[in-house]
Amino acid sequence: MREGLRLRARCRPAVVPWARRERGVTLLVVMVLLLILGVSAAAVLRDAVSAERFAHNLRQQQWAQQQAELALRHCEAELRKPDGSEAGLPPGVALRDPALAETQLTRTAWEAPPAWRQGANWTGVAGLSTARVTLSQDQAGLPVQGLKPGRLPECLVELQVLADGALVHVITARGFSPAYPVSSSMGPNAASAGGAVVWVQSIVLLGAPTSEAQASGQRPLLDRLWRRILQPPVP
């Protein structure tokens, strides 16, 4: 019995020191690889979140841009219509929005602060102090149900006297994204996290009403200058 135990003890493989060191190095390598994989996964997740946030902000900007352009074109089309003061209009001619009648437009002198630069003109009640129009849901082309902007697009129109005495219509419009705050008492450029507001402007030179223009109900458009406003008014 004792001889058998001695024989098995002699046959048992001895654990040499270098084998223990190999097992320790293997564990260290595995831990380092796991750390690298974790850091790589975190970087990939962060890039994915950043890309999604960028795409979301881009969608908000494009939505607001489309709404602003829609409001700008609406007011331009309204200004080309007769406001009812012209004589000899044929029956059935569509008249412009009464809020945009020539007598309602603010006249700004050359090099004077324009009305659209005053934040109070965008936070007050439309139509009281300036010719500001808020499009309806139908005019904005918005669905009855579904994703809609936080506020409806709007435009402000004023007459500006140029240095040579000519009169041009300055149309300033802004559009909003779905994430824009709904409250109309907020500043003209306020936006919630993820919301967007885009400002665009056009300066149009309209021709005098003629017999052909009266028959078609459209004043001729002689010139148009468009730009995007990068520094909106402040309250």
Protein backbone atom coordinates (compact mmCIF):
# COMPACT_ATOMS: atom_id res chain seq x y z
CA MET A 1 0.00 0.00 0.00
CA ARG A 2 2.71 2.40 0.98
CA GLU A 3 4.73 1.39 -2.07
CA GLY A 4 1.78 2.22 -4.32
CA LEU A 5 1.35 5.66 -2.75
CA ARG A 6 5.02 6.39 -3.21
CA LEU A 7 4.83 5.27 -6.83
CA ARG A 8 1.87 7.59 -7.54
CA ALA A 9 3.61 10.44 -5.81
CA ARG A 10 6.62 9.95 -8.01
CA CYS A 11 4.47 9.84 -11.17
CA ARG A 12 2.50 13.05 -10.33
CA PRO A 13 3.69 15.89 -12.58
CA ALA A 14 5.38 18.66 -10.72
CA VAL A 15 4.10 22.23 -11.20
CA VAL A 16 7.11 24.23 -12.19
CA PRO A 17 7.30 28.01 -11.49
CA TRP A 18 7.31 29.05 -15.16
CA ALA A 19 3.94 27.35 -15.73
CA ARG A 20 2.41 29.40 -12.92
CA ARG A 21 3.79 32.55 -14.55
CA GLU A 22 2.23 31.58 -17.91
CA ARG A 23 -1.19 31.22 -16.32
CA GLY A 24 -0.82 34.67 -14.72
CA VAL A 25 0.21 36.28 -18.03
CA THR A 26 -2.74 34.68 -19.85
CA LEU A 27 -5.18 36.13 -17.32
CA LEU A 28 -3.60 39.57 -17.71
CA VAL A 29 -3.81 39.39 -21.53
CA VAL A 30 -7.48 38.39 -21.36
CA MET A 31 -8.28 41.29 -19.03
CA VAL A 32 -6.49 43.75 -21.33
CA LEU A 33 -8.40 42.41 -24.36
CA LEU A 34 -11.70 42.74 -22.51
CA LEU A 35 -10.81 46.32 -21.59
CA ILE A 36 -10.01 47.14 -25.22
CA LEU A 37 -13.26 45.57 -26.40
CA GLY A 38 -15.23 47.56 -23.82
CA VAL A 39 -13.60 50.84 -24.82
CA SER A 40 -14.20 50.09 -28.52
CA ALA A 41 -17.86 49.26 -27.89
CA ALA A 42 -18.32 52.48 -25.91
CA ALA A 43 -16.72 54.50 -28.74
CA VAL A 44 -18.98 52.87 -31.33
CA LEU A 45 -22.05 53.55 -29.21
CA ARG A 46 -21.02 57.16 -28.69
CA ASP A 47 -20.52 57.65 -32.44
CA ALA A 48 -23.93 56.12 -33.13
CA VAL A 49 -25.60 58.44 -30.63
CA SER A 50 -23.79 61.46 -32.09
CA ALA A 51 -24.82 60.50 -35.62
CA GLU A 52 -28.45 60.08 -34.56
CA ARG A 53 -28.40 63.45 -32.80
CA PHE A 54 -26.89 65.09 -35.88
CA ALA A 55 -29.52 63.53 -38.13
CA HIS A 56 -32.27 64.66 -35.76
CA ASN A 57 -30.99 68.25 -35.72
CA LEU A 58 -30.67 68.21 -39.51
CA ARG A 59 -34.28 67.04 -39.88
CA GLN A 60 -35.42 69.81 -37.53
CA GLN A 61 -33.50 72.43 -39.52
CA GLN A 62 -34.87 71.21 -42.85
CA TRP A 63 -38.42 71.19 -41.51
CA ALA A 64 -38.07 74.76 -40.20
CA GLN A 65 -36.46 75.85 -43.49
CA GLN A 66 -39.38 74.51 -45.52
CA GLN A 67 -41.90 76.23 -43.26
CA ALA A 68 -40.05 79.55 -43.47
CA GLU A 69 -39.86 79.35 -47.27
CA LEU A 70 -43.57 78.55 -47.39
CA ALA A 71 -44.44 81.63 -45.33
CA LEU A 72 -42.14 83.80 -47.46
CA ARG A 73 -43.73 82.65 -50.72
CA HIS A 74 -47.20 83.08 -49.27
CA CYS A 75 -46.61 86.73 -48.39
CA GLU A 76 -44.92 87.41 -51.72
CA ALA A 77 -47.92 86.00 -53.55
CA GLU A 78 -50.29 88.06 -51.40
CA LEU A 79 -48.40 91.28 -52.11
CA ARG A 80 -48.75 90.76 -55.84
CA LYS A 81 -52.52 90.76 -55.46
CA PRO A 82 -54.44 94.04 -55.46
CA ASP A 83 -55.42 95.23 -52.00
CA GLY A 84 -58.77 96.61 -53.13
CA SER A 85 -57.69 100.25 -53.42
CA GLU A 86 -57.06 100.00 -57.16
CA ALA A 87 -59.88 101.19 -59.38
CA GLY A 88 -61.33 99.22 -62.24
CA LEU A 89 -60.72 95.76 -60.89
CA PRO A 90 -62.67 93.10 -62.78
CA PRO A 91 -65.10 91.00 -60.75
CA GLY A 92 -63.76 87.81 -59.26
CA VAL A 93 -60.20 89.05 -58.79
CA ALA A 94 -58.74 87.66 -55.56
CA LEU A 95 -57.70 90.41 -53.17
CA ARG A 96 -54.77 90.15 -50.80
CA ASP A 97 -54.92 89.53 -47.08
CA PRO A 98 -56.29 92.72 -45.42
CA ALA A 99 -53.41 92.61 -42.92
CA LEU A 100 -51.03 93.19 -45.85
CA ALA A 101 -52.85 96.17 -47.36
CA GLU A 102 -50.48 98.93 -48.42
CA THR A 103 -51.94 101.27 -45.82
CA GLN A 104 -51.12 98.73 -43.08
CA LEU A 105 -47.45 98.36 -43.99
CA THR A 106 -44.83 100.07 -41.85
CA ARG A 107 -42.64 102.42 -43.90
CA THR A 108 -38.96 102.34 -42.94
CA ALA A 109 -36.65 105.16 -43.96
CA TRP A 110 -33.30 104.48 -45.58
CA GLU A 111 -30.65 103.36 -43.04
CA ALA A 112 -33.26 103.39 -40.24
CA PRO A 113 -33.66 100.32 -37.99
CA PRO A 114 -36.05 97.98 -39.82
CA ALA A 115 -39.22 96.78 -38.15
CA TRP A 116 -38.25 93.12 -38.45
CA ARG A 117 -35.20 93.76 -36.26
CA GLN A 118 -37.40 94.69 -33.30
CA GLY A 119 -38.19 91.62 -31.24
CA ALA A 120 -41.42 93.12 -29.90
CA ASN A 121 -42.91 92.98 -33.40
CA TRP A 122 -42.61 89.19 -33.28
CA THR A 123 -43.93 88.58 -29.79
CA GLY A 124 -46.97 90.88 -29.87
CA VAL A 125 -50.39 90.13 -31.29
CA ALA A 126 -50.24 89.82 -35.06
CA GLY A 127 -51.71 92.71 -37.01
CA LEU A 128 -51.76 95.33 -34.24
CA SER A 129 -48.44 97.10 -34.65
CA THR A 130 -47.01 95.63 -37.85
CA ALA A 131 -48.18 93.73 -40.91
CA ARG A 132 -47.42 90.26 -39.54
CA VAL A 133 -49.31 87.24 -40.84
CA THR A 134 -49.46 83.79 -39.29
CA LEU A 135 -50.33 81.09 -41.78
CA SER A 136 -53.20 78.79 -41.06
CA GLN A 137 -52.77 75.04 -40.91
CA ASP A 138 -54.20 74.68 -44.41
CA GLN A 139 -51.97 77.42 -45.81
CA ALA A 140 -48.94 75.75 -44.23
CA GLY A 141 -49.90 72.44 -45.81
CA LEU A 142 -49.93 70.63 -42.48
CA PRO A 143 -51.86 67.42 -41.88
CA VAL A 144 -54.79 67.32 -39.50
CA GLN A 145 -53.09 64.52 -37.59
CA GLY A 146 -49.45 63.57 -37.42
CA LEU A 147 -46.16 65.36 -36.93
CA LYS A 148 -46.53 69.14 -37.02
CA PRO A 149 -44.28 72.07 -36.09
CA GLY A 150 -44.52 73.54 -32.62
CA ARG A 151 -45.78 76.83 -34.10
CA LEU A 152 -47.20 77.88 -37.43
CA PRO A 153 -44.93 79.84 -39.79
CA GLU A 154 -45.34 83.59 -40.04
CA CYS A 155 -44.06 86.56 -42.00
CA LEU A 156 -43.73 90.28 -41.44
CA VAL A 157 -43.91 92.82 -44.29
CA GLU A 158 -42.67 96.40 -44.33
CA LEU A 159 -41.96 99.05 -46.94
CA GLN A 160 -38.41 100.34 -47.17
CA VAL A 161 -37.41 103.56 -48.83
CA LEU A 162 -34.17 103.14 -50.77
CA ALA A 163 -31.54 105.83 -51.18
CA ASP A 164 -32.91 106.77 -54.62
CA GLY A 165 -36.43 107.07 -53.21
CA ALA A 166 -37.73 103.78 -54.61
CA LEU A 167 -40.03 101.67 -52.48
CA VAL A 168 -39.41 97.97 -51.97
CA HIS A 169 -41.25 95.37 -49.92
CA VAL A 170 -39.11 93.68 -47.28
CA ILE A 171 -40.61 90.31 -46.33
CA THR A 172 -39.18 88.49 -43.33
CA ALA A 173 -40.43 85.01 -42.50
CA ARG A 174 -39.63 82.39 -39.91
CA GLY A 175 -40.47 78.70 -39.73
CA PHE A 176 -40.43 76.31 -36.81
CA SER A 177 -39.63 72.66 -36.26
CA PRO A 178 -41.84 70.14 -34.42
CA ALA A 179 -39.69 70.42 -31.28
CA TYR A 180 -40.05 74.20 -31.08
CA PRO A 181 -41.83 75.54 -27.96
CA VAL A 182 -45.49 76.30 -28.46
CA SER A 183 -45.68 79.42 -26.26
CA SER A 184 -45.91 82.59 -28.36
CA SER A 185 -44.70 84.76 -25.47
CA MET A 186 -41.17 83.40 -25.72
CA GLY A 187 -38.40 85.33 -27.41
CA PRO A 188 -38.38 85.53 -31.21
CA ASN A 189 -35.41 83.19 -31.45
CA ALA A 190 -36.01 80.96 -28.43
CA ALA A 191 -35.90 77.23 -28.98
CA SER A 192 -36.12 74.21 -26.77
CA ALA A 193 -33.56 71.42 -26.78
CA GLY A 194 -33.66 69.87 -30.22
CA GLY A 195 -35.97 72.56 -31.65
CA ALA A 196 -35.11 74.81 -34.57
CA VAL A 197 -36.27 78.12 -36.00
CA VAL A 198 -35.13 79.39 -39.41
CA TRP A 199 -35.37 82.98 -40.63
CA VAL A 200 -35.43 83.94 -44.31
CA GLN A 201 -35.99 87.26 -46.02
CA SER A 202 -36.68 88.61 -49.48
CA ILE A 203 -36.67 92.12 -50.87
CA VAL A 204 -39.02 92.43 -53.81
CA LEU A 205 -39.56 95.27 -56.23
CA LEU A 206 -43.09 95.25 -57.60
CA GLY A 207 -44.18 97.07 -60.70
CA ALA A 208 -47.07 99.52 -60.83
CA PRO A 209 -50.50 98.01 -61.51
CA THR A 210 -51.25 97.95 -65.23
CA SER A 211 -54.31 97.02 -67.19
CA GLU A 212 -52.89 93.55 -67.89
CA ALA A 213 -51.91 93.12 -64.26
CA GLN A 214 -55.38 94.17 -63.15
CA ALA A 215 -56.94 91.66 -65.52
CA SER A 216 -54.79 88.83 -64.16
CA GLY A 217 -54.87 90.10 -60.60
CA GLN A 218 -51.08 89.99 -60.32
CA ARG A 219 -48.66 92.89 -60.03
CA PRO A 220 -45.46 92.35 -62.03
CA LEU A 221 -42.40 91.24 -60.06
CA LEU A 222 -39.46 93.31 -61.30
CA ASP A 223 -36.72 92.11 -58.98
CA ARG A 224 -36.21 89.82 -55.99
CA LEU A 225 -33.34 89.41 -53.54
CA TRP A 226 -33.34 86.44 -51.16
CA ARG A 227 -31.21 85.70 -48.13
CA ARG A 228 -31.20 83.63 -44.95
CA ILE A 229 -30.93 85.61 -41.73
CA LEU A 230 -28.14 84.28 -39.53
CA GLN A 231 -28.56 86.90 -36.78
CA PRO A 232 -32.26 87.01 -35.89
CA PRO A 233 -33.71 89.83 -33.78
CA VAL A 234 -33.46 89.69 -30.02
CA PRO A 235 -36.34 90.43 -27.61
